[in-house]
Protein backbone atom coordinates (compact mmCIF):
# COMPACT_ATOMS: atom_id res chain seq x y z
CA MET A 1 0.00 0.00 0.00
CA GLU A 2 1.34 3.38 -0.96
CA SER A 3 1.90 6.00 1.71
CA ASP A 4 -0.08 9.24 1.66
CA GLU A 5 3.06 11.08 0.69
CA GLU A 6 3.66 8.76 -2.29
CA LEU A 7 0.05 9.24 -3.34
CA MET A 8 0.50 13.02 -3.24
CA ARG A 9 3.51 12.73 -5.51
CA ALA A 10 1.33 10.65 -7.84
CA VAL A 11 -1.39 13.32 -7.73
CA ALA A 12 1.21 15.92 -8.66
CA ARG A 13 2.23 13.77 -11.63
CA GLY A 14 -1.43 13.57 -12.70
CA GLU A 15 -1.83 9.85 -12.07
CA GLU A 16 -5.45 8.79 -12.09
CA GLY A 17 -6.74 7.21 -8.92
CA ALA A 18 -4.16 8.70 -6.57
CA LEU A 19 -6.44 11.47 -5.34
CA SER A 20 -9.33 9.02 -5.05
CA ALA A 21 -7.18 6.81 -2.83
CA LEU A 22 -6.36 9.76 -0.57
CA VAL A 23 -10.00 10.79 -0.42
CA ALA A 24 -11.01 7.22 0.47
CA ARG A 25 -8.50 7.20 3.33
CA HIS A 26 -9.08 10.66 4.72
CA ALA A 27 -12.55 11.93 3.76
CA GLU A 28 -14.28 10.77 6.94
CA PRO A 29 -11.67 12.02 9.43
CA LEU A 30 -11.38 15.31 7.54
CA HIS A 31 -15.16 15.72 7.63
CA ALA A 32 -15.22 14.91 11.36
CA TYR A 33 -12.53 17.54 12.02
CA LEU A 34 -14.33 20.22 10.04
CA ALA A 35 -17.70 19.34 11.59
CA ARG A 36 -16.22 19.75 15.07
CA LEU A 37 -14.49 22.94 14.03
CA CYS A 38 -17.53 24.62 12.50
CA GLY A 39 -20.25 22.84 14.49
CA ASP A 40 -22.39 21.93 11.47
CA ALA A 41 -22.11 18.61 9.61
CA SER A 42 -23.73 19.89 6.42
CA GLU A 43 -21.48 22.96 6.36
CA ALA A 44 -18.55 20.62 6.91
CA GLU A 45 -19.54 18.76 3.70
CA ASP A 46 -18.99 21.96 1.71
CA LEU A 47 -15.73 22.65 3.51
CA VAL A 48 -14.50 19.11 2.81
CA GLN A 49 -15.23 19.48 -0.90
CA GLU A 50 -13.41 22.80 -1.06
CA SER A 51 -10.51 21.32 0.92
CA TRP A 52 -10.05 18.45 -1.54
CA ILE A 53 -10.15 20.87 -4.44
CA ARG A 54 -7.40 22.95 -2.83
CA ILE A 55 -5.39 19.84 -1.94
CA ALA A 56 -5.53 18.68 -5.56
CA ARG A 57 -4.60 22.13 -6.86
CA SER A 58 -1.69 22.35 -4.43
CA ALA A 59 -0.34 18.87 -5.16
CA SER A 60 2.69 20.18 -7.05
CA ALA A 61 3.60 22.35 -4.05
CA PHE A 62 3.47 19.42 -1.61
CA ASP A 63 6.80 18.76 0.07
CA ALA A 64 7.12 14.98 0.29
CA SER A 65 9.42 15.33 3.30
CA ARG A 66 6.36 16.52 5.25
CA ARG A 67 3.56 14.28 6.43
CA PHE A 68 0.38 14.48 4.40
CA ARG A 69 -2.16 14.68 7.21
CA PRO A 70 -0.93 17.84 8.97
CA TRP A 71 -0.46 19.48 5.57
CA ALA A 72 -3.98 18.56 4.42
CA TRP A 73 -5.55 19.52 7.77
CA GLY A 74 -3.76 22.86 7.48
CA ILE A 75 -5.40 23.41 4.11
CA ALA A 76 -8.77 22.43 5.58
CA THR A 77 -8.23 24.82 8.48
CA ASN A 78 -7.53 27.62 6.01
CA VAL A 79 -10.69 26.73 4.06
CA ALA A 80 -12.68 27.02 7.30
CA ARG A 81 -10.96 30.32 8.18
CA ASP A 82 -11.82 31.71 4.75
CA ARG A 83 -15.44 30.68 5.25
CA TYR A 84 -15.60 32.35 8.68
CA ARG A 85 -14.14 35.54 7.25
CA ARG A 86 -16.80 35.61 4.54
CA VAL A 87 -19.55 34.95 7.08
CA ARG A 88 -18.28 37.67 9.42
CA ALA A 89 -17.90 40.11 6.52
CA ARG A 90 -21.61 39.61 5.82
CA GLY A 91 -22.46 40.13 9.48
CA GLY A 92 -23.07 36.45 10.24
CA PRO A 93 -22.27 34.61 13.46
CA HIS A 94 -18.74 33.47 14.27
CA ALA A 95 -19.65 29.92 15.31
CA PRO A 96 -22.49 28.36 13.34
CA LEU A 97 -23.83 26.11 16.09
CA PRO A 98 -27.61 26.12 16.29
CA ALA A 99 -29.04 28.36 18.98
CA ASN A 100 -31.17 25.50 20.26
CA ALA A 101 -28.33 22.95 20.37
CA ALA A 102 -29.71 21.24 23.47
CA SER A 103 -33.08 20.50 21.90
CA ALA A 104 -31.44 19.49 18.62
CA ALA A 105 -29.24 16.97 20.41
CA ARG A 106 -32.20 15.54 22.31
CA THR A 107 -33.97 14.83 19.05
CA GLU A 108 -30.76 13.28 17.64
CA GLY A 109 -30.29 11.16 20.75
CA GLY A 110 -27.37 13.19 22.07
CA SER A 111 -26.80 13.89 25.73
CA ILE A 112 -27.00 17.29 27.36
CA ALA A 113 -23.41 16.92 28.55
CA ARG A 114 -22.18 16.42 24.99
CA VAL A 115 -24.21 19.39 23.76
CA ASP A 116 -22.88 21.51 26.59
CA LEU A 117 -19.30 20.62 25.63
CA ARG A 118 -20.01 21.38 21.95
CA GLY A 119 -21.46 24.72 22.96
CA ARG A 120 -18.47 25.45 25.19
CA LEU A 121 -16.11 24.59 22.32
CA ALA A 122 -18.02 26.96 20.05
CA GLU A 123 -17.53 29.75 22.58
CA LEU A 124 -13.74 29.41 22.45
CA PRO A 125 -11.87 31.74 20.12
CA GLU A 126 -11.21 30.07 16.78
CA ARG A 127 -7.43 29.79 17.33
CA LEU A 128 -7.95 27.92 20.63
CA ARG A 129 -10.74 25.71 19.25
CA GLN A 130 -8.58 24.68 16.26
CA ALA A 131 -5.69 23.56 18.46
CA LEU A 132 -7.98 21.73 20.88
CA VAL A 133 -9.90 19.88 18.18
CA LEU A 134 -6.73 18.88 16.33
CA ARG A 135 -5.13 17.55 19.52
CA TYR A 136 -7.93 15.90 21.45
CA TYR A 137 -10.36 14.91 18.72
CA ASP A 138 -8.04 14.23 15.78
CA GLY A 139 -5.05 13.03 17.79
CA LEU A 140 -2.40 15.17 16.09
CA SER A 141 0.81 15.72 18.01
CA GLU A 142 1.89 19.21 19.03
CA SER A 143 4.43 19.21 16.20
CA GLU A 144 1.78 18.18 13.67
CA ILE A 145 -0.59 20.86 14.94
CA ALA A 146 2.17 23.45 14.65
CA GLU A 147 2.74 22.34 11.06
CA ALA A 148 -0.97 22.30 10.21
CA LEU A 149 -1.62 25.75 11.64
CA GLY A 150 1.69 27.30 10.64
CA ILE A 151 2.63 28.29 14.19
CA ALA A 152 5.43 27.45 16.62
CA ARG A 153 5.17 24.35 18.83
CA GLY A 154 5.35 26.56 21.92
CA THR A 155 2.35 28.49 20.64
CA VAL A 156 0.46 25.20 20.27
CA LYS A 157 1.26 24.31 23.88
CA SER A 158 0.13 27.73 25.05
CA ARG A 159 -3.13 27.56 23.07
CA LEU A 160 -3.90 24.08 24.34
CA HIS A 161 -3.23 25.11 27.93
CA THR A 162 -5.38 28.23 27.55
CA ALA A 163 -8.20 26.31 25.85
CA VAL A 164 -8.31 23.58 28.50
CA ALA A 165 -8.25 26.15 31.30
CA ALA A 166 -11.07 28.11 29.65
CA LEU A 167 -13.16 24.96 29.29
CA ARG A 168 -12.56 24.03 32.92
CA ARG A 169 -13.64 27.49 34.05
CA SER A 170 -16.73 27.45 31.84
CA LEU A 171 -17.72 24.04 33.20
CA GLY A 172 -17.37 25.25 36.78
CA GLY A 173 -14.00 23.66 37.51
CA THR A 174 -10.89 25.26 38.82
CA PRO A 175 -8.48 26.81 36.33
């Protein structure tokens, strides 16, 4: 089985099927990341599509010495950032979670605790939410997060610490 990095080189060469193989491997986790980041599964569908388009267009710029996943998640993060900028420019909300998230989760079989955590995540500033989701939901290392977001590893540590402390405070715990 070819590695993700080998498949990206194949995409850059225009080989048919290489991008499809990457999509088959990573579409679901990428969708899950974007859904957690933006709080809306259907919006995440659009973001995933745009992310794959940008990944394909950027294939020739991919550095095969880097790992594919942090690079691709970085592109997806930028797609989400661009979307938020457009929404804010039109006067829309920053975090697109439904106002009645608790009742929506009840009808979907979700628990109030899960909804409360989703709501608390949505209240975090975007830069903190991105780091937290990449680390604790997607399992990226601090180095991979730094690469995906284009920031220093120390900044990742700081953002994670700040995000966890903010969540603790918002849930009534000690900082």
